[in-house]
Amino acid sequence: MNLKDFDALVGRQLQTMDKLLDLQGEIERCQELKEQLNNLPGEACGEIQEEIEIMKEELQSIQKVFQKQTEEVIRSYQIREPLHK
């Protein structure tokens, strides 16, 4: 694996991290909104809770992708590193 490939792996991982952070922020925003809307009829609160659950599932999926990318970056670094010793 050359440096360009390694940089591409790290770049993809950074993009995934950005998605992760954005989604975590959106979940927090929705949870805060839910807290504020607790006085609304149950249907509106239920819809917000549903949206939060969907985002949490998406977050778990992105976290799995991020973990796989991290493992790939580590493997590629370990393969590349012996070449420079």
Protein backbone atom coordinates (compact mmCIF):
# COMPACT_ATOMS: atom_id res chain seq x y z
CA MET A 1 0.00 0.00 0.00
CA ASN A 2 1.42 3.36 -0.94
CA LEU A 3 1.09 6.70 0.83
CA LYS A 4 -1.62 7.88 -1.56
CA ASP A 5 -3.81 4.86 -0.70
CA PHE A 6 -3.19 5.38 3.01
CA ASP A 7 -4.14 9.06 2.71
CA ALA A 8 -7.33 8.07 0.86
CA LEU A 9 -8.26 5.66 3.69
CA VAL A 10 -7.69 8.33 6.30
CA GLY A 11 -9.68 10.84 4.21
CA ARG A 12 -12.66 8.48 4.02
CA GLN A 13 -12.43 7.89 7.74
CA LEU A 14 -12.48 11.63 8.40
CA GLN A 15 -15.59 11.97 6.23
CA THR A 16 -17.27 9.22 8.23
CA MET A 17 -16.27 10.93 11.47
CA ASP A 18 -17.89 14.15 10.22
CA LYS A 19 -21.12 12.24 9.50
CA LEU A 20 -20.93 10.67 12.95
CA LEU A 21 -20.50 14.01 14.68
CA ASP A 22 -23.24 15.66 12.62
CA LEU A 23 -25.69 12.89 13.40
CA GLN A 24 -24.82 12.90 17.10
CA GLY A 25 -25.48 16.66 17.15
CA GLU A 26 -28.80 16.18 15.36
CA ILE A 27 -29.85 13.48 17.86
CA GLU A 28 -28.99 15.78 20.75
CA ARG A 29 -30.97 18.60 19.13
CA CYS A 30 -33.99 16.34 18.64
CA GLN A 31 -33.81 15.07 22.21
CA GLU A 32 -33.72 18.64 23.49
CA LEU A 33 -36.68 19.47 21.26
CA LYS A 34 -38.53 16.44 22.59
CA GLU A 35 -37.96 17.64 26.14
CA GLN A 36 -39.42 21.03 25.21
CA LEU A 37 -42.41 19.45 23.47
CA ASN A 38 -43.35 17.06 26.26
CA ASN A 39 -46.48 19.14 26.85
CA LEU A 40 -47.79 18.52 23.33
CA PRO A 41 -50.23 15.73 22.53
CA GLY A 42 -48.69 12.25 22.63
CA GLU A 43 -48.78 11.87 18.84
CA ALA A 44 -46.33 14.73 18.20
CA CYS A 45 -44.00 13.44 20.89
CA GLY A 46 -44.22 9.93 19.46
CA GLU A 47 -43.24 11.15 16.00
CA ILE A 48 -40.21 12.93 17.41
CA GLN A 49 -39.24 9.83 19.38
CA GLU A 50 -39.56 7.76 16.21
CA GLU A 51 -37.27 10.16 14.36
CA ILE A 52 -34.74 9.98 17.20
CA GLU A 53 -34.78 6.18 17.09
CA ILE A 54 -34.22 6.17 13.32
CA MET A 55 -31.26 8.53 13.74
CA LYS A 56 -29.84 6.37 16.53
CA GLU A 57 -29.98 3.34 14.22
CA GLU A 58 -28.23 5.35 11.50
CA LEU A 59 -25.65 6.45 14.06
CA GLN A 60 -24.94 2.83 15.00
CA SER A 61 -24.51 1.99 11.34
CA ILE A 62 -22.08 4.86 10.82
CA GLN A 63 -20.19 3.86 13.97
CA LYS A 64 -19.73 0.36 12.54
CA VAL A 65 -18.42 1.83 9.26
CA PHE A 66 -16.07 4.07 11.22
CA GLN A 67 -14.80 1.10 13.25
CA LYS A 68 -14.13 -0.90 10.08
CA GLN A 69 -12.34 2.07 8.53
CA THR A 70 -10.24 2.47 11.66
CA GLU A 71 -9.24 -1.18 11.51
CA GLU A 72 -8.40 -0.81 7.80
CA VAL A 73 -6.25 2.27 8.46
CA ILE A 74 -4.40 0.46 11.24
CA ARG A 75 -3.82 -2.62 9.06
CA SER A 76 -2.60 -0.55 6.14
CA TYR A 77 -0.28 1.41 8.43
CA GLN A 78 1.10 -1.80 9.91
CA ILE A 79 1.72 -3.17 6.42
CA ARG A 80 3.33 0.09 5.29
CA GLU A 81 5.41 0.73 8.44
CA PRO A 82 7.80 -2.26 8.09
CA LEU A 83 8.77 -0.93 4.68
CA HIS A 84 10.15 2.23 6.28
CA LYS A 85 12.24 0.55 8.99
